[in-house]
């Protein structure tokens, strides 16, 4: 199991190239991937 923080953005946007998202998956030869956003943010 691995957790990678890729980007922190503003209130309504985060600029991330797909290459950065998939880089860790490919380098670790991941068999499966789960993508989440706002993982630690409180919901209002």
C-alpha atoms as a PDB file:
ATOM      1  CA  UNK A   1       0.000   0.000   0.000  1.00  0.00           C
ATOM      2  CA  UNK A   2       1.202   3.475  -0.816  1.00  0.00           C
ATOM      3  CA  UNK A   3      -0.186   6.990  -0.433  1.00  0.00           C
ATOM      4  CA  UNK A   4       1.269   9.732  -2.648  1.00  0.00           C
ATOM      5  CA  UNK A   5       0.401  13.404  -2.276  1.00  0.00           C
ATOM      6  CA  UNK A   6       0.711  14.822  -5.770  1.00  0.00           C
ATOM      7  CA  UNK A   7      -0.610  18.376  -5.597  1.00  0.00           C
ATOM      8  CA  UNK A   8      -2.176  21.027  -3.381  1.00  0.00           C
ATOM      9  CA  UNK A   9      -4.305  23.557  -5.153  1.00  0.00           C
ATOM     10  CA  UNK A  10      -6.542  26.497  -4.410  1.00  0.00           C
ATOM     11  CA  UNK A  11     -10.115  26.372  -3.166  1.00  0.00           C
ATOM     12  CA  UNK A  12     -11.489  25.313  -6.548  1.00  0.00           C
ATOM     13  CA  UNK A  13      -8.587  24.153  -8.719  1.00  0.00           C
ATOM     14  CA  UNK A  14      -5.364  22.180  -8.804  1.00  0.00           C
ATOM     15  CA  UNK A  15      -3.154  22.109 -11.885  1.00  0.00           C
ATOM     16  CA  UNK A  16      -1.698  18.633 -12.337  1.00  0.00           C
ATOM     17  CA  UNK A  17      -0.438  17.025 -15.523  1.00  0.00           C
ATOM     18  CA  UNK A  18      -1.650  13.415 -15.977  1.00  0.00           C
ATOM     19  CA  UNK A  19       2.003  12.384 -16.293  1.00  0.00           C
ATOM     20  CA  UNK A  20       2.539  13.265 -12.616  1.00  0.00           C
ATOM     21  CA  UNK A  21      -0.535  11.302 -11.577  1.00  0.00           C
ATOM     22  CA  UNK A  22       0.514   8.080 -13.313  1.00  0.00           C
ATOM     23  CA  UNK A  23       4.265   8.352 -12.674  1.00  0.00           C
ATOM     24  CA  UNK A  24       4.219   6.688  -9.241  1.00  0.00           C
ATOM     25  CA  UNK A  25       1.906   3.932 -10.462  1.00  0.00           C
ATOM     26  CA  UNK A  26       4.210   3.026 -13.303  1.00  0.00           C
ATOM     27  CA  UNK A  27       7.426   3.264 -11.286  1.00  0.00           C
ATOM     28  CA  UNK A  28       6.054   0.936  -8.605  1.00  0.00           C
ATOM     29  CA  UNK A  29       4.493  -1.480 -11.141  1.00  0.00           C
ATOM     30  CA  UNK A  30       1.157  -1.142  -9.362  1.00  0.00           C
ATOM     31  CA  UNK A  31      -1.378  -3.907 -10.001  1.00  0.00           C
ATOM     32  CA  UNK A  32      -4.273  -1.617  -9.046  1.00  0.00           C
ATOM     33  CA  UNK A  33      -4.763   2.098  -8.459  1.00  0.00           C
ATOM     34  CA  UNK A  34      -7.316   4.124  -6.498  1.00  0.00           C
ATOM     35  CA  UNK A  35      -7.587   7.865  -7.156  1.00  0.00           C
ATOM     36  CA  UNK A  36      -9.155  10.141  -4.521  1.00  0.00           C
ATOM     37  CA  UNK A  37      -9.496  13.875  -4.137  1.00  0.00           C
ATOM     38  CA  UNK A  38     -10.184  16.040  -1.088  1.00  0.00           C
ATOM     39  CA  UNK A  39      -9.241  13.057   1.061  1.00  0.00           C
ATOM     40  CA  UNK A  40      -8.510  15.030   4.238  1.00  0.00           C
ATOM     41  CA  UNK A  41     -10.822  17.998   3.707  1.00  0.00           C
ATOM     42  CA  UNK A  42     -13.779  18.538   6.027  1.00  0.00           C
ATOM     43  CA  UNK A  43     -17.106  18.477   4.171  1.00  0.00           C
ATOM     44  CA  UNK A  44     -19.344  21.513   4.748  1.00  0.00           C
END
